[in-house]
Amino acid sequence: MPMADMLVDGAAHNQMLSFMDGNVGYNQIMVAKEDIHKTTFTCRGHIGAFEYTVMPFGLRNAGATYQRAMNSVFHDMIGHSLEVYIDNVVIKSPEKEDHVSNLKKAFLRMRQHKLK
């Protein structure tokens, strides 16, 4: 997991910043088929057991798993035009003129990986 201080320092000397919160991002990561049975839960008043097929928020390693996925998706942009901390993405630009281009690159990458 990245240190928050390092992320703040990495964004400090930029003219433009855009912040995005991927608060439902956890629900976009599929649970491995061999692990679905480990997510079993029941609901009061309903008969039977249910299983998550996508990663629910609150699992012990959900934050680290999501961070690893974001690092993989944005591997070549992190540190240059983008910073990621779990479900928060910061698009940064040292020059105002470059910001729209950096945003387009980030949104294109998100679209390619079907992130919402």
PDB file of N, CA and C in Angstrom:
ATOM      1  N   MET A   1       0.845  -1.183   0.000  1.00  0.00           N
ATOM      2  CA  MET A   1       0.000   0.000   0.000  1.00  0.00           C
ATOM      3  C   MET A   1       0.886   1.239   0.000  1.00  0.00           C
ATOM      4  N   PRO A   2       0.574   2.201  -0.851  1.00  0.00           N
ATOM      5  CA  PRO A   2       1.376   3.421  -0.865  1.00  0.00           C
ATOM      6  C   PRO A   2       1.138   4.248   0.392  1.00  0.00           C
ATOM      7  N   MET A   3       2.116   5.039   0.722  1.00  0.00           N
ATOM      8  CA  MET A   3       2.005   5.933   1.879  1.00  0.00           C
ATOM      9  C   MET A   3       1.303   7.212   1.435  1.00  0.00           C
ATOM     10  N   ALA A   4       0.340   7.681   2.215  1.00  0.00           N
ATOM     11  CA  ALA A   4      -0.413   8.881   1.867  1.00  0.00           C
ATOM     12  C   ALA A   4       0.505  10.086   1.720  1.00  0.00           C
ATOM     13  N   ASP A   5       1.535  10.196   2.562  1.00  0.00           N
ATOM     14  CA  ASP A   5       2.463  11.328   2.479  1.00  0.00           C
ATOM     15  C   ASP A   5       3.184  11.360   1.134  1.00  0.00           C
ATOM     16  N   MET A   6       3.565  10.199   0.625  1.00  0.00           N
ATOM     17  CA  MET A   6       4.246  10.133  -0.668  1.00  0.00           C
ATOM     18  C   MET A   6       3.321  10.588  -1.788  1.00  0.00           C
ATOM     19  N   LEU A   7       2.040  10.232  -1.693  1.00  0.00           N
ATOM     20  CA  LEU A   7       1.084  10.630  -2.717  1.00  0.00           C
ATOM     21  C   LEU A   7       0.854  12.141  -2.699  1.00  0.00           C
ATOM     22  N   VAL A   8       0.763  12.715  -1.514  1.00  0.00           N
ATOM     23  CA  VAL A   8       0.589  14.164  -1.391  1.00  0.00           C
ATOM     24  C   VAL A   8       1.809  14.880  -1.962  1.00  0.00           C
ATOM     25  N   ASP A   9       2.993  14.408  -1.624  1.00  0.00           N
ATOM     26  CA  ASP A   9       4.221  15.009  -2.151  1.00  0.00           C
ATOM     27  C   ASP A   9       4.275  14.897  -3.671  1.00  0.00           C
ATOM     28  N   GLY A  10       3.808  13.785  -4.212  1.00  0.00           N
ATOM     29  CA  GLY A  10       3.825  13.576  -5.655  1.00  0.00           C
ATOM     30  C   GLY A  10       2.893  14.504  -6.407  1.00  0.00           C
ATOM     31  N   ALA A  11       1.861  14.996  -5.745  1.00  0.00           N
ATOM     32  CA  ALA A  11       0.896  15.883  -6.388  1.00  0.00           C
ATOM     33  C   ALA A  11       1.137  17.350  -6.066  1.00  0.00           C
ATOM     34  N   ALA A  12       2.085  17.642  -5.193  1.00  0.00           N
ATOM     35  CA  ALA A  12       2.252  18.990  -4.648  1.00  0.00           C
ATOM     36  C   ALA A  12       2.623  20.054  -5.666  1.00  0.00           C
ATOM     37  N   HIS A  13       3.440  19.768  -6.634  1.00  0.00           N
ATOM     38  CA  HIS A  13       3.967  20.807  -7.526  1.00  0.00           C
ATOM     39  C   HIS A  13       3.293  20.815  -8.892  1.00  0.00           C
ATOM     40  N   ASN A  14       2.007  20.591  -8.900  1.00  0.00           N
ATOM     41  CA  ASN A  14       1.247  20.592 -10.146  1.00  0.00           C
ATOM     42  C   ASN A  14       0.272  21.761 -10.162  1.00  0.00           C
ATOM     43  N   GLN A  15       0.016  22.286 -11.356  1.00  0.00           N
ATOM     44  CA  GLN A  15      -0.908  23.411 -11.476  1.00  0.00           C
ATOM     45  C   GLN A  15      -2.365  22.967 -11.449  1.00  0.00           C
ATOM     46  N   MET A  16      -2.632  21.750 -11.937  1.00  0.00           N
ATOM     47  CA  MET A  16      -4.013  21.264 -11.992  1.00  0.00           C
ATOM     48  C   MET A  16      -4.100  19.858 -11.411  1.00  0.00           C
ATOM     49  N   LEU A  17      -5.153  19.635 -10.627  1.00  0.00           N
ATOM     50  CA  LEU A  17      -5.434  18.321 -10.049  1.00  0.00           C
ATOM     51  C   LEU A  17      -6.913  18.009 -10.232  1.00  0.00           C
ATOM     52  N   SER A  18      -7.227  16.779 -10.551  1.00  0.00           N
ATOM     53  CA  SER A  18      -8.612  16.308 -10.581  1.00  0.00           C
ATOM     54  C   SER A  18      -8.687  15.073  -9.700  1.00  0.00           C
ATOM     55  N   PHE A  19      -9.658  15.067  -8.803  1.00  0.00           N
ATOM     56  CA  PHE A  19      -9.818  13.962  -7.861  1.00  0.00           C
ATOM     57  C   PHE A  19     -11.036  13.139  -8.244  1.00  0.00           C
ATOM     58  N   MET A  20     -10.882  11.821  -8.234  1.00  0.00           N
ATOM     59  CA  MET A  20     -11.986  10.917  -8.519  1.00  0.00           C
ATOM     60  C   MET A  20     -12.071   9.867  -7.424  1.00  0.00           C
ATOM     61  N   ASP A  21     -13.274   9.589  -7.011  1.00  0.00           N
ATOM     62  CA  ASP A  21     -13.508   8.595  -5.968  1.00  0.00           C
ATOM     63  C   ASP A  21     -14.170   7.378  -6.592  1.00  0.00           C
ATOM     64  N   GLY A  22     -13.483   6.261  -6.566  1.00  0.00           N
ATOM     65  CA  GLY A  22     -14.029   5.022  -7.117  1.00  0.00           C
ATOM     66  C   GLY A  22     -14.707   4.211  -6.036  1.00  0.00           C
ATOM     67  N   ASN A  23     -15.670   4.810  -5.346  1.00  0.00           N
ATOM     68  CA  ASN A  23     -16.261   4.173  -4.171  1.00  0.00           C
ATOM     69  C   ASN A  23     -16.969   2.856  -4.458  1.00  0.00           C
ATOM     70  N   VAL A  24     -17.357   2.602  -5.673  1.00  0.00           N
ATOM     71  CA  VAL A  24     -17.969   1.312  -5.997  1.00  0.00           C
ATOM     72  C   VAL A  24     -16.994   0.413  -6.755  1.00  0.00           C
ATOM     73  N   GLY A  25     -15.746   0.803  -6.775  1.00  0.00           N
ATOM     74  CA  GLY A  25     -14.737   0.046  -7.506  1.00  0.00           C
ATOM     75  C   GLY A  25     -14.563  -1.372  -7.011  1.00  0.00           C
ATOM     76  N   TYR A  26     -14.728  -1.575  -5.718  1.00  0.00           N
ATOM     77  CA  TYR A  26     -14.572  -2.918  -5.156  1.00  0.00           C
ATOM     78  C   TYR A  26     -15.521  -3.894  -5.835  1.00  0.00           C
ATOM     79  N   ASN A  27     -16.718  -3.437  -6.154  1.00  0.00           N
ATOM     80  CA  ASN A  27     -17.728  -4.302  -6.748  1.00  0.00           C
ATOM     81  C   ASN A  27     -17.483  -4.589  -8.218  1.00  0.00           C
ATOM     82  N   GLN A  28     -16.366  -4.119  -8.757  1.00  0.00           N
ATOM     83  CA  GLN A  28     -16.039  -4.383 -10.149  1.00  0.00           C
ATOM     84  C   GLN A  28     -14.968  -5.468 -10.277  1.00  0.00           C
ATOM     85  N   ILE A  29     -14.484  -5.957  -9.152  1.00  0.00           N
ATOM     86  CA  ILE A  29     -13.463  -6.995  -9.162  1.00  0.00           C
ATOM     87  C   ILE A  29     -14.130  -8.326  -8.850  1.00  0.00           C
ATOM     88  N   MET A  30     -13.987  -9.252  -9.777  1.00  0.00           N
ATOM     89  CA  MET A  30     -14.621 -10.557  -9.621  1.00  0.00           C
ATOM     90  C   MET A  30     -13.859 -11.389  -8.586  1.00  0.00           C
ATOM     91  N   VAL A  31     -14.594 -12.151  -7.797  1.00  0.00           N
ATOM     92  CA  VAL A  31     -13.989 -13.098  -6.862  1.00  0.00           C
ATOM     93  C   VAL A  31     -13.586 -14.332  -7.670  1.00  0.00           C
ATOM     94  N   ALA A  32     -12.405 -14.852  -7.411  1.00  0.00           N
ATOM     95  CA  ALA A  32     -11.954 -16.058  -8.104  1.00  0.00           C
ATOM     96  C   ALA A  32     -12.950 -17.190  -7.860  1.00  0.00           C
ATOM     97  N   LYS A  33     -13.230 -17.972  -8.888  1.00  0.00           N
ATOM     98  CA  LYS A  33     -14.242 -19.036  -8.774  1.00  0.00           C
ATOM     99  C   LYS A  33     -13.957 -19.985  -7.619  1.00  0.00           C
ATOM    100  N   GLU A  34     -12.685 -20.289  -7.391  1.00  0.00           N
ATOM    101  CA  GLU A  34     -12.354 -21.209  -6.305  1.00  0.00           C
ATOM    102  C   GLU A  34     -12.520 -20.579  -4.921  1.00  0.00           C
ATOM    103  N   ASP A  35     -12.736 -19.262  -4.853  1.00  0.00           N
ATOM    104  CA  ASP A  35     -12.897 -18.586  -3.572  1.00  0.00           C
ATOM    105  C   ASP A  35     -14.318 -18.112  -3.286  1.00  0.00           C
ATOM    106  N   ILE A  36     -15.220 -18.250  -4.242  1.00  0.00           N
ATOM    107  CA  ILE A  36     -16.595 -17.768  -4.055  1.00  0.00           C
ATOM    108  C   ILE A  36     -17.244 -18.401  -2.832  1.00  0.00           C
ATOM    109  N   HIS A  37     -17.012 -19.681  -2.609  1.00  0.00           N
ATOM    110  CA  HIS A  37     -17.639 -20.361  -1.462  1.00  0.00           C
ATOM    111  C   HIS A  37     -17.183 -19.765  -0.126  1.00  0.00           C
ATOM    112  N   LYS A  38     -16.063 -19.068  -0.121  1.00  0.00           N
ATOM    113  CA  LYS A  38     -15.560 -18.467   1.112  1.00  0.00           C
ATOM    114  C   LYS A  38     -16.301 -17.187   1.480  1.00  0.00           C
ATOM    115  N   THR A  39     -17.155 -16.704   0.587  1.00  0.00           N
ATOM    116  CA  THR A  39     -17.876 -15.447   0.844  1.00  0.00           C
ATOM    117  C   THR A  39     -19.333 -15.691   1.222  1.00  0.00           C
ATOM    118  N   THR A  40     -19.653 -16.901   1.615  1.00  0.00           N
ATOM    119  CA  THR A  40     -21.033 -17.276   1.927  1.00  0.00           C
ATOM    120  C   THR A  40     -21.591 -16.456   3.096  1.00  0.00           C
ATOM    121  N   PHE A  41     -22.861 -16.049   2.946  1.00  0.00           N
ATOM    122  CA  PHE A  41     -23.550 -15.318   4.008  1.00  0.00           C
ATOM    123  C   PHE A  41     -25.033 -15.668   3.966  1.00  0.00           C
ATOM    124  N   THR A  42     -25.726 -15.381   5.038  1.00  0.00           N
ATOM    125  CA  THR A  42     -27.172 -15.586   5.098  1.00  0.00           C
ATOM    126  C   THR A  42     -27.846 -14.261   5.412  1.00  0.00           C
ATOM    127  N   CYS A  43     -29.122 -14.181   5.077  1.00  0.00           N
ATOM    128  CA  CYS A  43     -29.919 -12.985   5.368  1.00  0.00           C
ATOM    129  C   CYS A  43     -31.091 -13.399   6.249  1.00  0.00           C
ATOM    130  N   ARG A  44     -31.300 -12.652   7.287  1.00  0.00           N
ATOM    131  CA  ARG A  44     -32.408 -12.933   8.196  1.00  0.00           C
ATOM    132  C   ARG A  44     -33.728 -12.868   7.423  1.00  0.00           C
ATOM    133  N   GLY A  45     -34.552 -13.856   7.609  1.00  0.00           N
ATOM    134  CA  GLY A  45     -35.854 -13.896   6.953  1.00  0.00           C
ATOM    135  C   GLY A  45     -35.836 -14.558   5.580  1.00  0.00           C
ATOM    136  N   HIS A  46     -34.673 -14.975   5.118  1.00  0.00           N
ATOM    137  CA  HIS A  46     -34.575 -15.640   3.819  1.00  0.00           C
ATOM    138  C   HIS A  46     -34.042 -17.054   4.024  1.00  0.00           C
ATOM    139  N   ILE A  47     -34.470 -17.936   3.177  1.00  0.00           N
ATOM    140  CA  ILE A  47     -34.016 -19.318   3.266  1.00  0.00           C
ATOM    141  C   ILE A  47     -32.820 -19.507   2.345  1.00  0.00           C
ATOM    142  N   GLY A  48     -31.795 -20.111   2.873  1.00  0.00           N
ATOM    143  CA  GLY A  48     -30.645 -20.436   2.050  1.00  0.00           C
ATOM    144  C   GLY A  48     -29.436 -19.573   2.339  1.00  0.00           C
ATOM    145  N   ALA A  49     -28.379 -19.885   1.642  1.00  0.00           N
ATOM    146  CA  ALA A  49     -27.119 -19.143   1.773  1.00  0.00           C
ATOM    147  C   ALA A  49     -26.833 -18.461   0.437  1.00  0.00           C
ATOM    148  N   PHE A  50     -26.125 -17.368   0.526  1.00  0.00           N
ATOM    149  CA  PHE A  50     -25.777 -16.594  -0.661  1.00  0.00           C
ATOM    150  C   PHE A  50     -24.268 -16.448  -0.727  1.00  0.00           C
ATOM    151  N   GLU A  51     -23.759 -16.196  -1.919  1.00  0.00           N
ATOM    152  CA  GLU A  51     -22.323 -16.030  -2.117  1.00  0.00           C
ATOM    153  C   GLU A  51     -22.072 -14.804  -2.989  1.00  0.00           C
ATOM    154  N   TYR A  52     -21.013 -14.099  -2.676  1.00  0.00           N
ATOM    155  CA  TYR A  52     -20.612 -12.969  -3.508  1.00  0.00           C
ATOM    156  C   TYR A  52     -19.854 -13.482  -4.719  1.00  0.00           C
ATOM    157  N   THR A  53     -20.134 -12.907  -5.878  1.00  0.00           N
ATOM    158  CA  THR A  53     -19.350 -13.201  -7.079  1.00  0.00           C
ATOM    159  C   THR A  53     -18.400 -12.043  -7.396  1.00  0.00           C
ATOM    160  N   VAL A  54     -18.663 -10.893  -6.779  1.00  0.00           N
ATOM    161  CA  VAL A  54     -17.760  -9.745  -6.891  1.00  0.00           C
ATOM    162  C   VAL A  54     -17.250  -9.417  -5.496  1.00  0.00           C
ATOM    163  N   MET A  55     -16.120  -8.752  -5.423  1.00  0.00           N
ATOM    164  CA  MET A  55     -15.489  -8.478  -4.136  1.00  0.00           C
ATOM    165  C   MET A  55     -16.322  -7.464  -3.335  1.00  0.00           C
ATOM    166  N   PRO A  56     -16.826  -7.870  -2.191  1.00  0.00           N
ATOM    167  CA  PRO A  56     -17.580  -6.935  -1.363  1.00  0.00           C
ATOM    168  C   PRO A  56     -16.644  -6.057  -0.542  1.00  0.00           C
ATOM    169  N   PHE A  57     -17.078  -4.852  -0.258  1.00  0.00           N
ATOM    170  CA  PHE A  57     -16.314  -3.980   0.614  1.00  0.00           C
ATOM    171  C   PHE A  57     -16.353  -4.573   2.012  1.00  0.00           C
ATOM    172  N   GLY A  58     -15.239  -4.555   2.699  1.00  0.00           N
ATOM    173  CA  GLY A  58     -15.195  -5.063   4.054  1.00  0.00           C
ATOM    174  C   GLY A  58     -14.436  -6.368   4.205  1.00  0.00           C
ATOM    175  N   LEU A  59     -14.120  -7.022   3.096  1.00  0.00           N
ATOM    176  CA  LEU A  59     -13.282  -8.209   3.222  1.00  0.00           C
ATOM    177  C   LEU A  59     -11.901  -7.794   3.713  1.00  0.00           C
ATOM    178  N   ARG A  60     -11.259  -8.657   4.415  1.00  0.00           N
ATOM    179  CA  ARG A  60      -9.978  -8.333   5.053  1.00  0.00           C
ATOM    180  C   ARG A  60      -8.938  -7.775   4.082  1.00  0.00           C
ATOM    181  N   ASN A  61      -8.782  -8.345   2.924  1.00  0.00           N
ATOM    182  CA  ASN A  61      -7.776  -7.899   1.966  1.00  0.00           C
ATOM    183  C   ASN A  61      -8.357  -7.106   0.800  1.00  0.00           C
ATOM    184  N   ALA A  62      -9.579  -6.616   0.934  1.00  0.00           N
ATOM    185  CA  ALA A  62     -10.220  -5.908  -0.174  1.00  0.00           C
ATOM    186  C   ALA A  62      -9.426  -4.676  -0.595  1.00  0.00           C
ATOM    187  N   GLY A  63      -8.970  -3.894   0.357  1.00  0.00           N
ATOM    188  CA  GLY A  63      -8.216  -2.679   0.030  1.00  0.00           C
ATOM    189  C   GLY A  63      -6.937  -2.980  -0.714  1.00  0.00           C
ATOM    190  N   ALA A  64      -6.176  -3.943  -0.234  1.00  0.00           N
ATOM    191  CA  ALA A  64      -4.918  -4.309  -0.886  1.00  0.00           C
ATOM    192  C   ALA A  64      -5.169  -4.922  -2.264  1.00  0.00           C
ATOM    193  N   THR A  65      -6.209  -5.715  -2.393  1.00  0.00           N
ATOM    194  CA  THR A  65      -6.537  -6.316  -3.687  1.00  0.00           C
ATOM    195  C   THR A  65      -6.922  -5.241  -4.695  1.00  0.00           C
ATOM    196  N   TYR A  66      -7.737  -4.290  -4.252  1.00  0.00           N
ATOM    197  CA  TYR A  66      -8.149  -3.207  -5.145  1.00  0.00           C
ATOM    198  C   TYR A  66      -6.950  -2.345  -5.528  1.00  0.00           C
ATOM    199  N   GLN A  67      -6.076  -2.041  -4.573  1.00  0.00           N
ATOM    200  CA  GLN A  67      -4.876  -1.251  -4.857  1.00  0.00           C
ATOM    201  C   GLN A  67      -4.004  -1.966  -5.890  1.00  0.00           C
ATOM    202  N   ARG A  68      -3.839  -3.260  -5.735  1.00  0.00           N
ATOM    203  CA  ARG A  68      -3.033  -4.050  -6.677  1.00  0.00           C
ATOM    204  C   ARG A  68      -3.650  -3.999  -8.078  1.00  0.00           C
ATOM    205  N   ALA A  69      -4.969  -4.061  -8.159  1.00  0.00           N
ATOM    206  CA  ALA A  69      -5.644  -3.979  -9.455  1.00  0.00           C
ATOM    207  C   ALA A  69      -5.439  -2.606 -10.095  1.00  0.00           C
ATOM    208  N   MET A  70      -5.556  -1.545  -9.306  1.00  0.00           N
ATOM    209  CA  MET A  70      -5.363  -0.186  -9.839  1.00  0.00           C
ATOM    210  C   MET A  70      -3.913   0.024 -10.266  1.00  0.00           C
ATOM    211  N   ASN A  71      -2.972  -0.511  -9.506  1.00  0.00           N
ATOM    212  CA  ASN A  71      -1.560  -0.413  -9.893  1.00  0.00           C
ATOM    213  C   ASN A  71      -1.319  -1.118 -11.225  1.00  0.00           C
ATOM    214  N   SER A  72      -1.992  -2.220 -11.441  1.00  0.00           N
ATOM    215  CA  SER A  72      -1.850  -2.950 -12.692  1.00  0.00           C
ATOM    216  C   SER A  72      -2.460  -2.175 -13.859  1.00  0.00           C
ATOM    217  N   VAL A  73      -3.630  -1.613 -13.651  1.00  0.00           N
ATOM    218  CA  VAL A  73      -4.315  -0.868 -14.707  1.00  0.00           C
ATOM    219  C   VAL A  73      -3.526   0.384 -15.099  1.00  0.00           C
ATOM    220  N   PHE A  74      -3.027   1.125 -14.114  1.00  0.00           N
ATOM    221  CA  PHE A  74      -2.385   2.416 -14.366  1.00  0.00           C
ATOM    222  C   PHE A  74      -0.866   2.371 -14.220  1.00  0.00           C
ATOM    223  N   HIS A  75      -0.256   1.200 -14.366  1.00  0.00           N
ATOM    224  CA  HIS A  75       1.164   1.016 -14.069  1.00  0.00           C
ATOM    225  C   HIS A  75       2.079   2.039 -14.739  1.00  0.00           C
ATOM    226  N   ASP A  76       1.819   2.412 -15.965  1.00  0.00           N
ATOM    227  CA  ASP A  76       2.709   3.328 -16.677  1.00  0.00           C
ATOM    228  C   ASP A  76       2.366   4.798 -16.479  1.00  0.00           C
ATOM    229  N   MET A  77       1.262   5.088 -15.801  1.00  0.00           N
ATOM    230  CA  MET A  77       0.845   6.473 -15.568  1.00  0.00           C
ATOM    231  C   MET A  77       1.129   6.937 -14.143  1.00  0.00           C
ATOM    232  N   ILE A  78       1.244   5.985 -13.220  1.00  0.00           N
ATOM    233  CA  ILE A  78       1.462   6.326 -11.813  1.00  0.00           C
ATOM    234  C   ILE A  78       2.802   7.026 -11.660  1.00  0.00           C
ATOM    235  N   GLY A  79       2.772   8.145 -10.969  1.00  0.00           N
ATOM    236  CA  GLY A  79       3.980   8.925 -10.746  1.00  0.00           C
ATOM    237  C   GLY A  79       4.212   9.993 -11.800  1.00  0.00           C
ATOM    238  N   HIS A  80       3.549   9.870 -12.940  1.00  0.00           N
ATOM    239  CA  HIS A  80       3.718  10.852 -14.011  1.00  0.00           C
ATOM    240  C   HIS A  80       2.500  11.770 -14.085  1.00  0.00           C
ATOM    241  N   SER A  81       1.375  11.218 -14.504  1.00  0.00           N
ATOM    242  CA  SER A  81       0.173  12.037 -14.658  1.00  0.00           C
ATOM    243  C   SER A  81      -0.952  11.585 -13.726  1.00  0.00           C
ATOM    244  N   LEU A  82      -0.653  10.629 -12.851  1.00  0.00           N
ATOM    245  CA  LEU A  82      -1.719  10.037 -12.055  1.00  0.00           C
ATOM    246  C   LEU A  82      -1.158   9.443 -10.770  1.00  0.00           C
ATOM    247  N   GLU A  83      -1.955   9.511  -9.710  1.00  0.00           N
ATOM    248  CA  GLU A  83      -1.642   8.832  -8.449  1.00  0.00           C
ATOM    249  C   GLU A  83      -2.886   8.068  -8.025  1.00  0.00           C
ATOM    250  N   VAL A  84      -2.694   6.903  -7.437  1.00  0.00           N
ATOM    251  CA  VAL A  84      -3.814   6.086  -6.986  1.00  0.00           C
ATOM    252  C   VAL A  84      -3.595   5.710  -5.528  1.00  0.00           C
ATOM    253  N   TYR A  85      -4.621   5.894  -4.706  1.00  0.00           N
ATOM    254  CA  TYR A  85      -4.584   5.425  -3.326  1.00  0.00           C
ATOM    255  C   TYR A  85      -5.890   4.697  -3.057  1.00  0.00           C
ATOM    256  N   ILE A  86      -5.845   3.400  -3.111  1.00  0.00           N
ATOM    257  CA  ILE A  86      -6.984   2.495  -2.952  1.00  0.00           C
ATOM    258  C   ILE A  86      -8.076   2.892  -3.944  1.00  0.00           C
ATOM    259  N   ASP A  87      -9.154   3.555  -3.516  1.00  0.00           N
ATOM    260  CA  ASP A  87     -10.233   3.884  -4.449  1.00  0.00           C
ATOM    261  C   ASP A  87     -10.239   5.352  -4.848  1.00  0.00           C
ATOM    262  N   ASN A  88      -9.162   6.069  -4.594  1.00  0.00           N
ATOM    263  CA  ASN A  88      -9.058   7.471  -4.990  1.00  0.00           C
ATOM    264  C   ASN A  88      -8.011   7.620  -6.085  1.00  0.00           C
ATOM    265  N   VAL A  89      -8.364   8.352  -7.125  1.00  0.00           N
ATOM    266  CA  VAL A  89      -7.468   8.593  -8.243  1.00  0.00           C
ATOM    267  C   VAL A  89      -7.284  10.098  -8.380  1.00  0.00           C
ATOM    268  N   VAL A  90      -6.034  10.534  -8.500  1.00  0.00           N
ATOM    269  CA  VAL A  90      -5.717  11.942  -8.706  1.00  0.00           C
ATOM    270  C   VAL A  90      -5.025  12.058 -10.056  1.00  0.00           C
ATOM    271  N   ILE A  91      -5.635  12.826 -10.957  1.00  0.00           N
ATOM    272  CA  ILE A  91      -4.999  13.144 -12.231  1.00  0.00           C
ATOM    273  C   ILE A  91      -4.281  14.462 -12.012  1.00  0.00           C
ATOM    274  N   LYS A  92      -2.996  14.511 -12.338  1.00  0.00           N
ATOM    275  CA  LYS A  92      -2.211  15.709 -12.056  1.00  0.00           C
ATOM    276  C   LYS A  92      -1.506  16.184 -13.321  1.00  0.00           C
ATOM    277  N   SER A  93      -1.325  17.498 -13.388  1.00  0.00           N
ATOM    278  CA  SER A  93      -0.665  18.095 -14.548  1.00  0.00           C
ATOM    279  C   SER A  93       0.204  19.255 -14.097  1.00  0.00           C
ATOM    280  N   PRO A  94       1.501  19.202 -14.413  1.00  0.00           N
ATOM    281  CA  PRO A  94       2.381  20.315 -14.067  1.00  0.00           C
ATOM    282  C   PRO A  94       2.001  21.605 -14.796  1.00  0.00           C
ATOM    283  N   GLU A  95       1.430  21.470 -15.992  1.00  0.00           N
ATOM    284  CA  GLU A  95       0.999  22.622 -16.785  1.00  0.00           C
ATOM    285  C   GLU A  95      -0.499  22.507 -17.048  1.00  0.00           C
ATOM    286  N   LYS A  96      -1.211  23.619 -16.928  1.00  0.00           N
ATOM    287  CA  LYS A  96      -2.659  23.618 -17.145  1.00  0.00           C
ATOM    288  C   LYS A  96      -3.034  23.089 -18.522  1.00  0.00           C
ATOM    289  N   GLU A  97      -2.226  23.412 -19.514  1.00  0.00           N
ATOM    290  CA  GLU A  97      -2.530  23.042 -20.896  1.00  0.00           C
ATOM    291  C   GLU A  97      -2.548  21.526 -21.114  1.00  0.00           C
ATOM    292  N   ASP A  98      -1.863  20.791 -20.270  1.00  0.00           N
ATOM    293  CA  ASP A  98      -1.779  19.338 -20.424  1.00  0.00           C
ATOM    294  C   ASP A  98      -2.883  18.580 -19.691  1.00  0.00           C
ATOM    295  N   HIS A  99      -3.678  19.276 -18.898  1.00  0.00           N
ATOM    296  CA  HIS A  99      -4.607  18.580 -18.011  1.00  0.00           C
ATOM    297  C   HIS A  99      -5.708  17.828 -18.762  1.00  0.00           C
ATOM    298  N   VAL A 100      -6.288  18.445 -19.767  1.00  0.00           N
ATOM    299  CA  VAL A 100      -7.354  17.767 -20.514  1.00  0.00           C
ATOM    300  C   VAL A 100      -6.805  16.508 -21.184  1.00  0.00           C
ATOM    301  N   SER A 101      -5.599  16.589 -21.714  1.00  0.00           N
ATOM    302  CA  SER A 101      -4.969  15.422 -22.335  1.00  0.00           C
ATOM    303  C   SER A 101      -4.743  14.312 -21.307  1.00  0.00           C
ATOM    304  N   ASN A 102      -4.276  14.667 -20.109  1.00  0.00           N
ATOM    305  CA  ASN A 102      -4.061  13.670 -19.057  1.00  0.00           C
ATOM    306  C   ASN A 102      -5.370  13.033 -18.612  1.00  0.00           C
ATOM    307  N   LEU A 103      -6.423  13.839 -18.523  1.00  0.00           N
ATOM    308  CA  LEU A 103      -7.739  13.301 -18.168  1.00  0.00           C
ATOM    309  C   LEU A 103      -8.233  12.324 -19.236  1.00  0.00           C
ATOM    310  N   LYS A 104      -8.066  12.687 -20.497  1.00  0.00           N
ATOM    311  CA  LYS A 104      -8.499  11.798 -21.582  1.00  0.00           C
ATOM    312  C   LYS A 104      -7.777  10.462 -21.521  1.00  0.00           C
ATOM    313  N   LYS A 105      -6.468  10.500 -21.279  1.00  0.00           N
ATOM    314  CA  LYS A 105      -5.693   9.260 -21.183  1.00  0.00           C
ATOM    315  C   LYS A 105      -6.202   8.389 -20.034  1.00  0.00           C
ATOM    316  N   ALA A 106      -6.455   9.013 -18.895  1.00  0.00           N
ATOM    317  CA  ALA A 106      -6.938   8.256 -17.734  1.00  0.00           C
ATOM    318  C   ALA A 106      -8.326   7.667 -17.999  1.00  0.00           C
ATOM    319  N   PHE A 107      -9.232   8.459 -18.574  1.00  0.00           N
ATOM    320  CA  PHE A 107     -10.574   7.966 -18.848  1.00  0.00           C
ATOM    321  C   PHE A 107     -10.561   6.877 -19.917  1.00  0.00           C
ATOM    322  N   LEU A 108      -9.685   6.997 -20.895  1.00  0.00           N
ATOM    323  CA  LEU A 108      -9.560   5.952 -21.914  1.00  0.00           C
ATOM    324  C   LEU A 108      -9.096   4.651 -21.280  1.00  0.00           C
ATOM    325  N   ARG A 109      -8.116   4.734 -20.388  1.00  0.00           N
ATOM    326  CA  ARG A 109      -7.620   3.533 -19.703  1.00  0.00           C
ATOM    327  C   ARG A 109      -8.730   2.914 -18.850  1.00  0.00           C
ATOM    328  N   MET A 110      -9.496   3.769 -18.162  1.00  0.00           N
ATOM    329  CA  MET A 110     -10.610   3.250 -17.356  1.00  0.00           C
ATOM    330  C   MET A 110     -11.634   2.553 -18.238  1.00  0.00           C
ATOM    331  N   ARG A 111     -11.928   3.142 -19.391  1.00  0.00           N
ATOM    332  CA  ARG A 111     -12.888   2.541 -20.309  1.00  0.00           C
ATOM    333  C   ARG A 111     -12.368   1.208 -20.843  1.00  0.00           C
ATOM    334  N   GLN A 112     -11.068   1.132 -21.158  1.00  0.00           N
ATOM    335  CA  GLN A 112     -10.484  -0.106 -21.665  1.00  0.00           C
ATOM    336  C   GLN A 112     -10.598  -1.246 -20.654  1.00  0.00           C
ATOM    337  N   HIS A 113     -10.522  -0.906 -19.377  1.00  0.00           N
ATOM    338  CA  HIS A 113     -10.579  -1.925 -18.323  1.00  0.00           C
ATOM    339  C   HIS A 113     -11.967  -2.009 -17.682  1.00  0.00           C
ATOM    340  N   LYS A 114     -12.919  -1.333 -18.306  1.00  0.00           N
ATOM    341  CA  LYS A 114     -14.327  -1.362 -17.869  1.00  0.00           C
ATOM    342  C   LYS A 114     -14.513  -0.908 -16.430  1.00  0.00           C
ATOM    343  N   LEU A 115     -13.737   0.088 -16.030  1.00  0.00           N
ATOM    344  CA  LEU A 115     -13.908   0.671 -14.704  1.00  0.00           C
ATOM    345  C   LEU A 115     -14.971   1.745 -14.774  1.00  0.00           C
ATOM    346  N   LYS A 116     -15.798   1.807 -13.769  1.00  0.00           N
ATOM    347  CA  LYS A 116     -16.868   2.787 -13.731  1.00  0.00           C
ATOM    348  C   LYS A 116     -16.719   3.676 -12.528  1.00  0.00           C
TER     349      LYS A 116
END
